[in-house]
Amino acid sequence: QVQLVESGGGSVQAGGSLRLSCAASGVSINGYFMGWFRQTPGKEREGVAAIGNCGSTNYADSVKGRFTVTSDNAKNILYLQMNSLKPEDTAVYYCAAFTVWGAICSSARLSPDPYKYWGQGTQVTVSS
């Protein structure tokens, strides 16, 4: 059974930083496509940052230069370092994963469509 558990959310003032963690169990994230997504009430879930099955990364334009996605394959944890936070970054943040067996190295995916496994989310609130 695959489980993804996010942590590290909280409240911070604009300009501050947070680091989100996503601990995976039941699956080795090495070789999986992994992603961070966020959602606010009434809006669709949007991709924020992702890692491809061979380690490539991709970011939404709104977070480029501020957010960094990394993975610790030994610990089976995905991270999202968020710096220079803005009020518009306020959302519930989710991590997600999927795999394509036998896939060649492919780019990281920011669309939520292919992701099969999802965490429960962690709230990030940025005040001005």
C-alpha atoms as a PDB file:
ATOM      1  CA  GLN A   1       0.000   0.000   0.000  1.00  0.00           C
ATOM      2  CA  VAL A   2       1.475   3.300  -1.114  1.00  0.00           C
ATOM      3  CA  GLN A   3       1.262   6.178   1.331  1.00  0.00           C
ATOM      4  CA  LEU A   4       2.496   9.733   0.976  1.00  0.00           C
ATOM      5  CA  VAL A   5       2.528  11.894   4.078  1.00  0.00           C
ATOM      6  CA  GLU A   6       3.272  15.606   3.861  1.00  0.00           C
ATOM      7  CA  SER A   7       4.579  17.727   6.700  1.00  0.00           C
ATOM      8  CA  GLY A   8       6.204  21.089   7.261  1.00  0.00           C
ATOM      9  CA  GLY A   9       3.323  23.384   6.454  1.00  0.00           C
ATOM     10  CA  GLY A  10       2.440  26.325   8.645  1.00  0.00           C
ATOM     11  CA  SER A  11       2.025  30.065   8.829  1.00  0.00           C
ATOM     12  CA  VAL A  12       4.757  32.465   7.795  1.00  0.00           C
ATOM     13  CA  GLN A  13       5.073  36.114   6.911  1.00  0.00           C
ATOM     14  CA  ALA A  14       5.723  37.239   3.365  1.00  0.00           C
ATOM     15  CA  GLY A  15       9.384  36.879   2.491  1.00  0.00           C
ATOM     16  CA  GLY A  16       9.816  33.921   4.806  1.00  0.00           C
ATOM     17  CA  SER A  17      10.673  30.315   4.075  1.00  0.00           C
ATOM     18  CA  LEU A  18       9.246  26.861   4.688  1.00  0.00           C
ATOM     19  CA  ARG A  19      10.394  23.386   3.783  1.00  0.00           C
ATOM     20  CA  LEU A  20       7.777  20.765   3.047  1.00  0.00           C
ATOM     21  CA  SER A  21       8.524  17.075   3.317  1.00  0.00           C
ATOM     22  CA  CYS A  22       6.734  14.124   1.761  1.00  0.00           C
ATOM     23  CA  ALA A  23       7.546  10.771   3.313  1.00  0.00           C
ATOM     24  CA  ALA A  24       6.752   7.811   1.078  1.00  0.00           C
ATOM     25  CA  SER A  25       6.031   4.267   2.182  1.00  0.00           C
ATOM     26  CA  GLY A  26       5.079   1.199   0.195  1.00  0.00           C
ATOM     27  CA  VAL A  27       7.076   2.465  -2.756  1.00  0.00           C
ATOM     28  CA  SER A  28      10.611   3.521  -3.559  1.00  0.00           C
ATOM     29  CA  ILE A  29      10.489   7.038  -4.966  1.00  0.00           C
ATOM     30  CA  ASN A  30      13.688   6.363  -6.901  1.00  0.00           C
ATOM     31  CA  GLY A  31      12.547   6.072 -10.480  1.00  0.00           C
ATOM     32  CA  TYR A  32       9.071   7.457  -9.815  1.00  0.00           C
ATOM     33  CA  PHE A  33       7.680  10.702 -11.148  1.00  0.00           C
ATOM     34  CA  MET A  34       7.107  12.909  -8.102  1.00  0.00           C
ATOM     35  CA  GLY A  35       5.385  16.240  -7.823  1.00  0.00           C
ATOM     36  CA  TRP A  36       4.187  19.004  -5.539  1.00  0.00           C
ATOM     37  CA  PHE A  37       0.811  20.551  -6.190  1.00  0.00           C
ATOM     38  CA  ARG A  38      -1.282  23.176  -4.479  1.00  0.00           C
ATOM     39  CA  GLN A  39      -4.934  24.072  -4.327  1.00  0.00           C
ATOM     40  CA  THR A  40      -7.031  26.905  -2.967  1.00  0.00           C
ATOM     41  CA  PRO A  41     -10.822  26.827  -2.518  1.00  0.00           C
ATOM     42  CA  GLY A  42     -12.679  27.130  -5.791  1.00  0.00           C
ATOM     43  CA  LYS A  43      -9.589  26.647  -7.920  1.00  0.00           C
ATOM     44  CA  GLU A  44      -8.153  23.676  -9.732  1.00  0.00           C
ATOM     45  CA  ARG A  45      -5.144  21.899  -8.360  1.00  0.00           C
ATOM     46  CA  GLU A  46      -1.989  23.268  -9.973  1.00  0.00           C
ATOM     47  CA  GLY A  47       1.454  21.815 -10.363  1.00  0.00           C
ATOM     48  CA  VAL A  48       4.171  23.681  -8.504  1.00  0.00           C
ATOM     49  CA  ALA A  49       7.314  21.579  -8.880  1.00  0.00           C
ATOM     50  CA  ALA A  50       8.104  18.093 -10.076  1.00  0.00           C
ATOM     51  CA  ILE A  51      10.884  15.559 -10.498  1.00  0.00           C
ATOM     52  CA  GLY A  52      11.026  13.207 -13.453  1.00  0.00           C
ATOM     53  CA  ASN A  53      11.859   9.517 -13.251  1.00  0.00           C
ATOM     54  CA  CYS A  54      15.541  10.216 -13.844  1.00  0.00           C
ATOM     55  CA  GLY A  55      15.823  13.332 -11.743  1.00  0.00           C
ATOM     56  CA  SER A  56      14.949  16.167 -14.094  1.00  0.00           C
ATOM     57  CA  THR A  57      12.987  18.999 -12.499  1.00  0.00           C
ATOM     58  CA  ASN A  58      10.281  21.361 -13.657  1.00  0.00           C
ATOM     59  CA  TYR A  59       8.678  24.362 -12.001  1.00  0.00           C
ATOM     60  CA  ALA A  60       5.642  26.515 -12.477  1.00  0.00           C
ATOM     61  CA  ASP A  61       6.579  29.969 -13.710  1.00  0.00           C
ATOM     62  CA  SER A  62       5.117  31.509 -10.568  1.00  0.00           C
ATOM     63  CA  VAL A  63       7.652  29.763  -8.321  1.00  0.00           C
ATOM     64  CA  LYS A  64      10.784  29.614 -10.460  1.00  0.00           C
ATOM     65  CA  GLY A  65      13.772  30.971  -8.595  1.00  0.00           C
ATOM     66  CA  ARG A  66      11.959  30.709  -5.252  1.00  0.00           C
ATOM     67  CA  PHE A  67      11.052  27.026  -4.827  1.00  0.00           C
ATOM     68  CA  THR A  68      13.356  24.020  -5.104  1.00  0.00           C
ATOM     69  CA  VAL A  69      12.278  20.387  -5.276  1.00  0.00           C
ATOM     70  CA  THR A  70      14.685  17.679  -4.185  1.00  0.00           C
ATOM     71  CA  SER A  71      14.517  14.051  -3.199  1.00  0.00           C
ATOM     72  CA  ASP A  72      16.453  11.947  -0.730  1.00  0.00           C
ATOM     73  CA  ASN A  73      16.120   8.495  -2.232  1.00  0.00           C
ATOM     74  CA  ALA A  74      17.885   6.843   0.700  1.00  0.00           C
ATOM     75  CA  LYS A  75      15.297   8.240   3.112  1.00  0.00           C
ATOM     76  CA  ASN A  76      12.461   7.988   0.571  1.00  0.00           C
ATOM     77  CA  ILE A  77      11.487  11.623   1.151  1.00  0.00           C
ATOM     78  CA  LEU A  78      10.577  14.364  -1.302  1.00  0.00           C
ATOM     79  CA  TYR A  79      11.197  17.967  -0.271  1.00  0.00           C
ATOM     80  CA  LEU A  80      10.001  21.361  -1.386  1.00  0.00           C
ATOM     81  CA  GLN A  81      12.085  24.288  -0.195  1.00  0.00           C
ATOM     82  CA  MET A  82      10.031  27.451  -0.468  1.00  0.00           C
ATOM     83  CA  ASN A  83      11.795  30.799  -0.151  1.00  0.00           C
ATOM     84  CA  SER A  84      10.619  34.390  -0.595  1.00  0.00           C
ATOM     85  CA  LEU A  85       7.069  33.303   0.067  1.00  0.00           C
ATOM     86  CA  LYS A  86       4.223  35.499  -1.089  1.00  0.00           C
ATOM     87  CA  PRO A  87       0.595  35.700   0.105  1.00  0.00           C
ATOM     88  CA  GLU A  88      -0.469  34.180  -3.213  1.00  0.00           C
ATOM     89  CA  ASP A  89       1.458  31.028  -2.281  1.00  0.00           C
ATOM     90  CA  THR A  90      -1.164  30.354   0.390  1.00  0.00           C
ATOM     91  CA  ALA A  91      -2.751  26.974  -0.362  1.00  0.00           C
ATOM     92  CA  VAL A  92      -2.975  23.352   0.634  1.00  0.00           C
ATOM     93  CA  TYR A  93       0.112  21.631  -0.734  1.00  0.00           C
ATOM     94  CA  TYR A  94       0.029  18.018  -1.865  1.00  0.00           C
ATOM     95  CA  CYS A  95       2.712  15.625  -2.961  1.00  0.00           C
ATOM     96  CA  ALA A  96       1.961  12.988  -5.551  1.00  0.00           C
ATOM     97  CA  ALA A  97       3.612  10.127  -7.379  1.00  0.00           C
ATOM     98  CA  PHE A  98       3.212   7.808 -10.337  1.00  0.00           C
ATOM     99  CA  THR A  99       5.332   5.444 -12.335  1.00  0.00           C
ATOM    100  CA  VAL A 100       5.443   4.045 -15.837  1.00  0.00           C
ATOM    101  CA  TRP A 101       7.052   0.630 -15.760  1.00  0.00           C
ATOM    102  CA  GLY A 102       9.955   0.345 -18.158  1.00  0.00           C
ATOM    103  CA  ALA A 103       9.805   4.007 -19.107  1.00  0.00           C
ATOM    104  CA  ILE A 104      12.814   5.763 -20.556  1.00  0.00           C
ATOM    105  CA  CYS A 105      13.955   8.914 -18.840  1.00  0.00           C
ATOM    106  CA  SER A 106      11.215  11.505 -19.243  1.00  0.00           C
ATOM    107  CA  SER A 107      10.642  15.074 -18.203  1.00  0.00           C
ATOM    108  CA  ALA A 108       9.031  16.009 -14.924  1.00  0.00           C
ATOM    109  CA  ARG A 109       5.247  16.408 -15.127  1.00  0.00           C
ATOM    110  CA  LEU A 110       3.378  19.398 -13.724  1.00  0.00           C
ATOM    111  CA  SER A 111      -0.061  18.261 -14.824  1.00  0.00           C
ATOM    112  CA  PRO A 112      -1.917  16.388 -12.063  1.00  0.00           C
ATOM    113  CA  ASP A 113      -3.495  13.977 -14.568  1.00  0.00           C
ATOM    114  CA  PRO A 114      -0.970  11.141 -14.594  1.00  0.00           C
ATOM    115  CA  TYR A 115      -0.377  11.095 -10.843  1.00  0.00           C
ATOM    116  CA  LYS A 116      -1.842   8.066  -9.131  1.00  0.00           C
ATOM    117  CA  TYR A 117      -0.846   8.411  -5.506  1.00  0.00           C
ATOM    118  CA  TRP A 118      -1.607  11.492  -3.417  1.00  0.00           C
ATOM    119  CA  GLY A 119      -0.904  12.659   0.098  1.00  0.00           C
ATOM    120  CA  GLN A 120      -3.463  14.255   2.372  1.00  0.00           C
ATOM    121  CA  GLY A 121      -2.051  17.762   2.016  1.00  0.00           C
ATOM    122  CA  THR A 122      -0.499  20.328   4.306  1.00  0.00           C
ATOM    123  CA  GLN A 123      -1.656  23.923   4.735  1.00  0.00           C
ATOM    124  CA  VAL A 124       0.686  26.788   3.936  1.00  0.00           C
ATOM    125  CA  THR A 125      -0.453  30.274   4.903  1.00  0.00           C
ATOM    126  CA  VAL A 126       1.560  33.356   3.995  1.00  0.00           C
ATOM    127  CA  SER A 127       0.514  36.653   5.534  1.00  0.00           C
ATOM    128  CA  SER A 128       1.402  40.082   4.218  1.00  0.00           C
END
